[in-house]
Amino acid sequence: MFPADLIRLAEEIRDAYAARGLWLATAESCTGGLIAGSLTAVSGSSAIVDRGFVTYTNDAKTEMLGVPAGLIAELGAVSGPVAEAMAQGAVAHSRADVGVAVTGIAGPTGGSEAKPVGLVFIARARKGGETVVERHVFPGNRDAVRLATVRRALELLRDGVA
C-alpha cells in the first residue's frame, strides 16, 4: 500500500523509538492521516504510536490540538507557527514524547502567489525540548506533494531520536 522507502523509514522509526521507550503522535492536515497510516503499516508499531490527529479544518486544529484560533486567523493554517503549535499540541494531548505535524497546500487548488501549491510546513516537537519547523515547496501533483510530505515527516521523526 505504501512505497517501500516509506515502509523502511517506518521500520527504522519503530526500532529507534522502541529501543528508547519513546511514544509518538501525529497531527496531520494536508496528509489526512497518511503519516500515521505509514507508521502503523509496520508490525510492532503499537509499541511506539500513541495516536494520530487528523485536523483538516481550522476548528479541528483548535479543538483537538489547542492551536490558538487567533494564530490561524492572523497567519493562516499553512504557516510555520501553526505547524509548531500543532506538533506541540499533539504532544500535550497525548502520552507522546515526540509529535510531528504537517500543514500545507497539496493542490491542485488552494494556492496563491504567497502560498503556492506544494507549500508545506512540517514540525517536530519533543516533550520538554525543542520544536523544529521546516518549510518546503514540494513539486508535482497532489499525490506527489502528499507523499513527499509523508517522507520528510518520517525522516524528521527518525532523525529526532539520534
N, C-alpha and C. Protein backbone atom coordinates (compact mmCIF):
# COMPACT_ATOMS: atom_id res chain seq x y z
N MET A 1 0.82 -1.19 0.00
CA MET A 1 0.00 0.00 0.00
C MET A 1 0.87 1.26 0.00
N PHE A 2 1.91 1.30 0.81
CA PHE A 2 2.83 2.44 0.85
C PHE A 2 4.11 2.07 0.11
N PRO A 3 4.78 3.05 -0.50
CA PRO A 3 6.06 2.75 -1.17
C PRO A 3 7.07 2.13 -0.21
N ALA A 4 7.96 1.31 -0.77
CA ALA A 4 8.92 0.58 0.04
C ALA A 4 9.81 1.50 0.88
N ASP A 5 10.16 2.67 0.35
CA ASP A 5 11.04 3.55 1.13
C ASP A 5 10.33 4.09 2.37
N LEU A 6 9.02 4.30 2.29
CA LEU A 6 8.28 4.77 3.47
C LEU A 6 8.17 3.65 4.51
N ILE A 7 8.01 2.44 4.05
CA ILE A 7 7.95 1.31 4.97
C ILE A 7 9.30 1.15 5.68
N ARG A 8 10.39 1.30 4.94
CA ARG A 8 11.72 1.21 5.57
C ARG A 8 11.90 2.32 6.63
N LEU A 9 11.46 3.52 6.31
CA LEU A 9 11.53 4.61 7.29
C LEU A 9 10.69 4.29 8.52
N ALA A 10 9.50 3.78 8.31
CA ALA A 10 8.62 3.44 9.43
C ALA A 10 9.25 2.35 10.30
N GLU A 11 9.92 1.39 9.68
CA GLU A 11 10.60 0.34 10.46
C GLU A 11 11.77 0.92 11.26
N GLU A 12 12.52 1.84 10.65
CA GLU A 12 13.62 2.48 11.36
C GLU A 12 13.10 3.27 12.57
N ILE A 13 12.00 3.96 12.37
CA ILE A 13 11.38 4.73 13.46
C ILE A 13 10.90 3.79 14.55
N ARG A 14 10.21 2.73 14.16
CA ARG A 14 9.73 1.75 15.15
C ARG A 14 10.89 1.23 15.98
N ASP A 15 11.96 0.84 15.35
CA ASP A 15 13.09 0.26 16.07
C ASP A 15 13.77 1.29 16.98
N ALA A 16 13.99 2.50 16.47
CA ALA A 16 14.67 3.53 17.26
C ALA A 16 13.84 3.99 18.45
N TYR A 17 12.55 4.20 18.22
CA TYR A 17 11.68 4.67 19.31
C TYR A 17 11.46 3.57 20.34
N ALA A 18 11.26 2.33 19.89
CA ALA A 18 11.06 1.23 20.82
C ALA A 18 12.30 1.00 21.68
N ALA A 19 13.48 1.13 21.08
CA ALA A 19 14.73 0.93 21.83
C ALA A 19 14.89 1.96 22.93
N ARG A 20 14.29 3.13 22.74
CA ARG A 20 14.42 4.21 23.72
C ARG A 20 13.16 4.39 24.58
N GLY A 21 12.16 3.56 24.34
CA GLY A 21 10.92 3.65 25.11
C GLY A 21 10.12 4.91 24.82
N LEU A 22 10.22 5.42 23.60
CA LEU A 22 9.54 6.67 23.24
C LEU A 22 8.21 6.41 22.53
N TRP A 23 7.28 7.30 22.80
CA TRP A 23 5.98 7.29 22.12
C TRP A 23 5.91 8.48 21.18
N LEU A 24 5.12 8.33 20.12
CA LEU A 24 4.93 9.44 19.20
C LEU A 24 3.46 9.63 18.86
N ALA A 25 3.16 10.84 18.41
CA ALA A 25 1.82 11.19 17.94
C ALA A 25 1.96 12.03 16.69
N THR A 26 0.98 11.92 15.81
CA THR A 26 0.98 12.71 14.58
C THR A 26 -0.19 13.68 14.60
N ALA A 27 0.02 14.82 13.96
CA ALA A 27 -1.03 15.83 13.77
C ALA A 27 -0.99 16.21 12.30
N GLU A 28 -2.00 15.81 11.56
CA GLU A 28 -1.94 15.94 10.11
C GLU A 28 -3.10 16.75 9.55
N SER A 29 -2.75 17.60 8.62
CA SER A 29 -3.76 18.32 7.87
C SER A 29 -3.71 17.86 6.42
N CYS A 30 -2.78 18.35 5.63
CA CYS A 30 -2.76 18.06 4.19
C CYS A 30 -2.54 16.58 3.86
N THR A 31 -1.99 15.81 4.76
CA THR A 31 -1.76 14.39 4.50
C THR A 31 -2.90 13.51 4.98
N GLY A 32 -3.84 14.06 5.71
CA GLY A 32 -5.06 13.34 6.06
C GLY A 32 -4.87 11.99 6.74
N GLY A 33 -3.81 11.79 7.48
CA GLY A 33 -3.60 10.54 8.20
C GLY A 33 -2.59 9.60 7.56
N LEU A 34 -1.98 10.02 6.45
CA LEU A 34 -1.03 9.14 5.77
C LEU A 34 0.23 8.88 6.58
N ILE A 35 0.66 9.83 7.39
CA ILE A 35 1.85 9.61 8.22
C ILE A 35 1.55 8.52 9.24
N ALA A 36 0.44 8.66 9.95
CA ALA A 36 0.05 7.63 10.91
C ALA A 36 -0.18 6.30 10.21
N GLY A 37 -0.77 6.35 9.02
CA GLY A 37 -1.01 5.13 8.26
C GLY A 37 0.28 4.43 7.88
N SER A 38 1.29 5.19 7.48
CA SER A 38 2.55 4.56 7.10
C SER A 38 3.26 3.99 8.32
N LEU A 39 3.17 4.68 9.45
CA LEU A 39 3.78 4.16 10.67
C LEU A 39 3.11 2.88 11.13
N THR A 40 1.80 2.84 11.07
CA THR A 40 1.06 1.67 11.55
C THR A 40 0.98 0.56 10.51
N ALA A 41 1.58 0.77 9.33
CA ALA A 41 1.63 -0.29 8.33
C ALA A 41 2.66 -1.35 8.69
N VAL A 42 3.53 -1.04 9.66
CA VAL A 42 4.56 -2.00 10.05
C VAL A 42 4.19 -2.67 11.37
N SER A 43 4.48 -3.94 11.43
CA SER A 43 4.22 -4.72 12.63
C SER A 43 5.05 -4.17 13.80
N GLY A 44 4.44 -4.13 14.97
CA GLY A 44 5.14 -3.64 16.15
C GLY A 44 4.98 -2.16 16.40
N SER A 45 4.26 -1.49 15.52
CA SER A 45 4.09 -0.04 15.67
C SER A 45 3.27 0.32 16.90
N SER A 46 2.52 -0.62 17.42
CA SER A 46 1.71 -0.33 18.62
C SER A 46 2.58 -0.06 19.84
N ALA A 47 3.86 -0.36 19.76
CA ALA A 47 4.78 -0.07 20.86
C ALA A 47 5.26 1.37 20.87
N ILE A 48 4.98 2.11 19.77
CA ILE A 48 5.51 3.48 19.68
C ILE A 48 4.48 4.54 19.27
N VAL A 49 3.42 4.12 18.58
CA VAL A 49 2.43 5.08 18.09
C VAL A 49 1.30 5.18 19.11
N ASP A 50 1.18 6.36 19.74
CA ASP A 50 0.11 6.56 20.70
C ASP A 50 -1.19 6.91 19.99
N ARG A 51 -1.13 7.93 19.11
CA ARG A 51 -2.33 8.34 18.40
C ARG A 51 -1.99 9.28 17.26
N GLY A 52 -2.98 9.44 16.39
CA GLY A 52 -2.85 10.39 15.29
C GLY A 52 -4.06 11.29 15.26
N PHE A 53 -3.81 12.56 15.04
CA PHE A 53 -4.87 13.56 14.92
C PHE A 53 -4.95 13.97 13.45
N VAL A 54 -6.12 13.84 12.84
CA VAL A 54 -6.34 14.39 11.52
C VAL A 54 -7.15 15.65 11.74
N THR A 55 -6.50 16.78 11.57
CA THR A 55 -7.11 18.08 11.86
C THR A 55 -7.15 18.88 10.56
N TYR A 56 -8.09 18.52 9.72
CA TYR A 56 -8.15 19.11 8.38
C TYR A 56 -8.73 20.52 8.41
N THR A 57 -9.62 20.79 9.34
CA THR A 57 -10.21 22.13 9.41
C THR A 57 -9.50 22.95 10.48
N ASN A 58 -9.70 24.25 10.39
CA ASN A 58 -9.14 25.14 11.41
C ASN A 58 -9.75 24.85 12.77
N ASP A 59 -11.06 24.61 12.80
CA ASP A 59 -11.72 24.29 14.07
C ASP A 59 -11.12 23.04 14.70
N ALA A 60 -10.82 22.03 13.88
CA ALA A 60 -10.23 20.80 14.42
C ALA A 60 -8.85 21.08 15.02
N LYS A 61 -8.08 21.92 14.36
CA LYS A 61 -6.76 22.26 14.90
C LYS A 61 -6.89 22.93 16.27
N THR A 62 -7.87 23.78 16.40
CA THR A 62 -8.10 24.47 17.67
C THR A 62 -8.67 23.54 18.73
N GLU A 63 -9.72 22.80 18.36
CA GLU A 63 -10.41 21.95 19.33
C GLU A 63 -9.58 20.74 19.77
N MET A 64 -8.90 20.09 18.85
CA MET A 64 -8.20 18.84 19.17
C MET A 64 -6.76 19.06 19.64
N LEU A 65 -6.12 20.13 19.14
CA LEU A 65 -4.70 20.32 19.43
C LEU A 65 -4.42 21.57 20.24
N GLY A 66 -5.43 22.43 20.42
CA GLY A 66 -5.22 23.65 21.18
C GLY A 66 -4.51 24.75 20.42
N VAL A 67 -4.49 24.66 19.09
CA VAL A 67 -3.88 25.74 18.30
C VAL A 67 -4.74 26.98 18.48
N PRO A 68 -4.17 28.11 18.88
CA PRO A 68 -4.96 29.32 19.08
C PRO A 68 -5.65 29.77 17.79
N ALA A 69 -6.96 29.99 17.89
CA ALA A 69 -7.72 30.44 16.72
C ALA A 69 -7.17 31.76 16.18
N GLY A 70 -6.71 32.62 17.08
CA GLY A 70 -6.14 33.90 16.65
C GLY A 70 -4.89 33.74 15.82
N LEU A 71 -4.10 32.71 16.12
CA LEU A 71 -2.89 32.44 15.35
C LEU A 71 -3.26 32.04 13.92
N ILE A 72 -4.26 31.18 13.81
CA ILE A 72 -4.72 30.76 12.48
C ILE A 72 -5.31 31.95 11.73
N ALA A 73 -6.10 32.76 12.42
CA ALA A 73 -6.71 33.93 11.78
C ALA A 73 -5.64 34.91 11.29
N GLU A 74 -4.59 35.07 12.05
CA GLU A 74 -3.54 36.03 11.71
C GLU A 74 -2.63 35.54 10.58
N LEU A 75 -2.20 34.27 10.65
CA LEU A 75 -1.19 33.76 9.73
C LEU A 75 -1.71 32.78 8.69
N GLY A 76 -2.91 32.26 8.93
CA GLY A 76 -3.43 31.19 8.09
C GLY A 76 -2.99 29.84 8.61
N ALA A 77 -3.74 28.82 8.27
CA ALA A 77 -3.43 27.47 8.75
C ALA A 77 -2.10 26.96 8.21
N VAL A 78 -1.74 27.42 7.01
CA VAL A 78 -0.49 26.97 6.40
C VAL A 78 0.60 27.99 6.75
N SER A 79 1.24 27.74 7.89
CA SER A 79 2.30 28.62 8.38
C SER A 79 3.17 27.85 9.36
N GLY A 80 4.37 28.32 9.52
CA GLY A 80 5.29 27.69 10.46
C GLY A 80 4.80 27.69 11.89
N PRO A 81 4.32 28.84 12.39
CA PRO A 81 3.84 28.86 13.76
C PRO A 81 2.65 27.93 14.01
N VAL A 82 1.79 27.75 13.02
CA VAL A 82 0.66 26.82 13.20
C VAL A 82 1.16 25.39 13.22
N ALA A 83 2.10 25.05 12.34
CA ALA A 83 2.69 23.70 12.37
C ALA A 83 3.35 23.44 13.71
N GLU A 84 4.06 24.44 14.22
CA GLU A 84 4.71 24.31 15.53
C GLU A 84 3.68 24.06 16.63
N ALA A 85 2.61 24.84 16.63
CA ALA A 85 1.55 24.68 17.63
C ALA A 85 0.86 23.33 17.50
N MET A 86 0.71 22.86 16.28
CA MET A 86 0.11 21.53 16.06
C MET A 86 0.98 20.43 16.66
N ALA A 87 2.28 20.48 16.39
CA ALA A 87 3.18 19.45 16.91
C ALA A 87 3.22 19.48 18.44
N GLN A 88 3.28 20.68 19.00
CA GLN A 88 3.26 20.81 20.46
C GLN A 88 1.93 20.34 21.03
N GLY A 89 0.85 20.62 20.32
CA GLY A 89 -0.47 20.17 20.75
C GLY A 89 -0.61 18.66 20.71
N ALA A 90 0.00 18.03 19.72
CA ALA A 90 -0.04 16.57 19.64
C ALA A 90 0.63 15.94 20.86
N VAL A 91 1.73 16.54 21.29
CA VAL A 91 2.43 16.05 22.49
C VAL A 91 1.58 16.33 23.73
N ALA A 92 1.05 17.53 23.82
CA ALA A 92 0.28 17.93 25.01
C ALA A 92 -1.01 17.14 25.17
N HIS A 93 -1.61 16.68 24.07
CA HIS A 93 -2.89 15.98 24.12
C HIS A 93 -2.74 14.48 23.93
N SER A 94 -1.57 13.96 24.30
CA SER A 94 -1.32 12.52 24.19
C SER A 94 -0.27 12.14 25.23
N ARG A 95 0.13 10.89 25.21
CA ARG A 95 1.24 10.47 26.07
C ARG A 95 2.56 10.44 25.31
N ALA A 96 2.56 11.05 24.12
CA ALA A 96 3.73 11.02 23.26
C ALA A 96 4.88 11.85 23.80
N ASP A 97 6.07 11.36 23.52
CA ASP A 97 7.30 12.09 23.80
C ASP A 97 7.67 13.00 22.64
N VAL A 98 7.24 12.59 21.44
CA VAL A 98 7.54 13.32 20.21
C VAL A 98 6.28 13.45 19.39
N GLY A 99 6.06 14.63 18.85
CA GLY A 99 4.93 14.86 17.96
C GLY A 99 5.42 15.42 16.64
N VAL A 100 4.79 14.98 15.57
CA VAL A 100 5.10 15.53 14.25
C VAL A 100 3.81 16.08 13.68
N ALA A 101 3.91 17.23 13.00
CA ALA A 101 2.72 17.87 12.43
C ALA A 101 3.03 18.37 11.03
N VAL A 102 1.99 18.34 10.20
CA VAL A 102 2.11 18.87 8.84
C VAL A 102 0.88 19.69 8.50
N THR A 103 1.11 20.79 7.81
CA THR A 103 0.04 21.62 7.29
C THR A 103 0.52 22.22 5.98
N GLY A 104 -0.32 22.14 4.95
CA GLY A 104 0.14 22.62 3.65
C GLY A 104 -0.95 22.69 2.62
N ILE A 105 -0.53 22.97 1.40
CA ILE A 105 -1.44 23.09 0.26
C ILE A 105 -1.04 22.03 -0.76
N ALA A 106 -1.79 20.94 -0.78
CA ALA A 106 -1.45 19.82 -1.67
C ALA A 106 -1.92 20.06 -3.10
N GLY A 107 -2.90 20.93 -3.29
CA GLY A 107 -3.38 21.26 -4.62
C GLY A 107 -4.38 20.25 -5.16
N PRO A 108 -4.76 20.40 -6.39
CA PRO A 108 -4.26 21.40 -7.33
C PRO A 108 -4.83 22.80 -7.11
N THR A 109 -5.85 22.91 -6.28
CA THR A 109 -6.42 24.24 -5.99
C THR A 109 -5.93 24.71 -4.63
N GLY A 110 -6.24 25.96 -4.30
CA GLY A 110 -5.95 26.47 -2.98
C GLY A 110 -4.68 27.28 -2.86
N GLY A 111 -3.86 27.28 -3.89
CA GLY A 111 -2.61 28.01 -3.82
C GLY A 111 -2.79 29.48 -4.18
N SER A 112 -1.78 30.26 -3.81
CA SER A 112 -1.74 31.69 -4.15
C SER A 112 -0.28 32.05 -4.41
N GLU A 113 -0.04 33.30 -4.79
CA GLU A 113 1.33 33.73 -5.02
C GLU A 113 2.15 33.64 -3.73
N ALA A 114 1.53 34.03 -2.62
CA ALA A 114 2.23 33.99 -1.33
C ALA A 114 2.35 32.57 -0.79
N LYS A 115 1.36 31.75 -1.07
CA LYS A 115 1.36 30.37 -0.58
C LYS A 115 1.01 29.45 -1.75
N PRO A 116 2.04 29.05 -2.50
CA PRO A 116 1.79 28.24 -3.70
C PRO A 116 1.42 26.80 -3.38
N VAL A 117 0.82 26.13 -4.35
CA VAL A 117 0.56 24.70 -4.24
C VAL A 117 1.91 24.02 -4.01
N GLY A 118 1.93 23.10 -3.09
CA GLY A 118 3.16 22.39 -2.73
C GLY A 118 3.82 22.93 -1.47
N LEU A 119 3.35 24.10 -0.99
CA LEU A 119 3.91 24.67 0.24
C LEU A 119 3.45 23.84 1.43
N VAL A 120 4.42 23.36 2.20
CA VAL A 120 4.12 22.54 3.37
C VAL A 120 5.06 22.94 4.51
N PHE A 121 4.50 23.03 5.70
CA PHE A 121 5.28 23.22 6.92
C PHE A 121 5.21 21.93 7.72
N ILE A 122 6.36 21.47 8.16
CA ILE A 122 6.47 20.24 8.95
C ILE A 122 7.17 20.60 10.25
N ALA A 123 6.59 20.15 11.36
CA ALA A 123 7.18 20.44 12.66
C ALA A 123 7.32 19.16 13.47
N ARG A 124 8.39 19.11 14.26
CA ARG A 124 8.61 18.02 15.21
C ARG A 124 8.83 18.64 16.58
N ALA A 125 8.02 18.22 17.55
CA ALA A 125 8.14 18.73 18.92
C ALA A 125 8.55 17.58 19.83
N ARG A 126 9.40 17.90 20.77
CA ARG A 126 9.84 16.92 21.77
C ARG A 126 9.36 17.40 23.13
N LYS A 127 8.74 16.52 23.89
CA LYS A 127 8.25 16.87 25.23
C LYS A 127 9.42 17.41 26.06
N GLY A 128 9.25 18.62 26.58
CA GLY A 128 10.29 19.24 27.37
C GLY A 128 11.51 19.67 26.58
N GLY A 129 11.40 19.67 25.26
CA GLY A 129 12.56 20.01 24.43
C GLY A 129 12.20 20.98 23.33
N GLU A 130 13.00 20.97 22.32
CA GLU A 130 12.85 21.92 21.23
C GLU A 130 11.80 21.47 20.22
N THR A 131 11.33 22.45 19.45
CA THR A 131 10.47 22.18 18.31
C THR A 131 11.18 22.67 17.07
N VAL A 132 11.27 21.80 16.09
CA VAL A 132 11.91 22.11 14.81
C VAL A 132 10.81 22.30 13.78
N VAL A 133 10.90 23.36 12.99
CA VAL A 133 9.92 23.62 11.94
C VAL A 133 10.65 23.77 10.61
N GLU A 134 10.14 23.10 9.61
CA GLU A 134 10.71 23.19 8.27
C GLU A 134 9.66 23.69 7.28
N ARG A 135 10.13 24.47 6.29
CA ARG A 135 9.27 24.95 5.20
C ARG A 135 9.74 24.29 3.91
N HIS A 136 8.80 23.71 3.18
CA HIS A 136 9.12 23.07 1.91
C HIS A 136 8.12 23.52 0.85
N VAL A 137 8.56 23.51 -0.40
CA VAL A 137 7.65 23.63 -1.53
C VAL A 137 7.94 22.41 -2.39
N PHE A 138 7.07 21.40 -2.27
CA PHE A 138 7.25 20.15 -2.98
C PHE A 138 6.64 20.25 -4.37
N PRO A 139 7.33 19.73 -5.38
CA PRO A 139 6.80 19.77 -6.75
C PRO A 139 5.82 18.63 -7.01
N GLY A 140 5.07 18.78 -8.08
CA GLY A 140 4.23 17.69 -8.54
C GLY A 140 2.76 17.88 -8.23
N ASN A 141 2.02 16.84 -8.53
CA ASN A 141 0.57 16.86 -8.32
C ASN A 141 0.24 16.57 -6.85
N ARG A 142 -1.03 16.51 -6.55
CA ARG A 142 -1.49 16.32 -5.17
C ARG A 142 -0.86 15.08 -4.52
N ASP A 143 -0.86 13.97 -5.23
CA ASP A 143 -0.29 12.74 -4.67
C ASP A 143 1.20 12.90 -4.38
N ALA A 144 1.91 13.54 -5.31
CA ALA A 144 3.36 13.73 -5.14
C ALA A 144 3.66 14.62 -3.94
N VAL A 145 2.88 15.69 -3.79
CA VAL A 145 3.08 16.60 -2.65
C VAL A 145 2.81 15.87 -1.34
N ARG A 146 1.74 15.12 -1.29
CA ARG A 146 1.39 14.41 -0.06
C ARG A 146 2.43 13.35 0.29
N LEU A 147 2.88 12.59 -0.70
CA LEU A 147 3.89 11.56 -0.42
C LEU A 147 5.23 12.17 -0.02
N ALA A 148 5.62 13.26 -0.67
CA ALA A 148 6.86 13.93 -0.28
C ALA A 148 6.76 14.46 1.15
N THR A 149 5.59 14.93 1.52
CA THR A 149 5.37 15.42 2.89
C THR A 149 5.49 14.28 3.90
N VAL A 150 4.87 13.15 3.60
CA VAL A 150 4.97 11.98 4.48
C VAL A 150 6.43 11.56 4.63
N ARG A 151 7.13 11.48 3.50
CA ARG A 151 8.54 11.05 3.52
C ARG A 151 9.37 11.97 4.42
N ARG A 152 9.24 13.28 4.23
CA ARG A 152 10.05 14.21 5.03
C ARG A 152 9.64 14.18 6.50
N ALA A 153 8.35 14.03 6.78
CA ALA A 153 7.90 13.95 8.17
C ALA A 153 8.48 12.70 8.84
N LEU A 154 8.51 11.59 8.13
CA LEU A 154 9.10 10.37 8.69
C LEU A 154 10.60 10.55 8.92
N GLU A 155 11.28 11.20 7.98
CA GLU A 155 12.71 11.44 8.17
C GLU A 155 12.94 12.32 9.39
N LEU A 156 12.09 13.30 9.58
CA LEU A 156 12.22 14.18 10.73
C LEU A 156 11.99 13.41 12.03
N LEU A 157 11.02 12.51 12.03
CA LEU A 157 10.79 11.66 13.21
C LEU A 157 12.01 10.77 13.47
N ARG A 158 12.51 10.16 12.42
CA ARG A 158 13.69 9.28 12.58
C ARG A 158 14.89 10.05 13.11
N ASP A 159 15.13 11.20 12.54
CA ASP A 159 16.31 11.98 12.93
C ASP A 159 16.15 12.58 14.32
N GLY A 160 14.95 12.64 14.83
CA GLY A 160 14.70 13.24 16.13
C GLY A 160 15.09 12.38 17.32
N VAL A 161 15.46 11.15 17.08
CA VAL A 161 15.84 10.28 18.21
C VAL A 161 17.34 10.06 18.29
N ALA A 162 18.07 10.61 17.36
CA ALA A 162 19.53 10.40 17.31
C ALA A 162 20.21 11.08 18.49
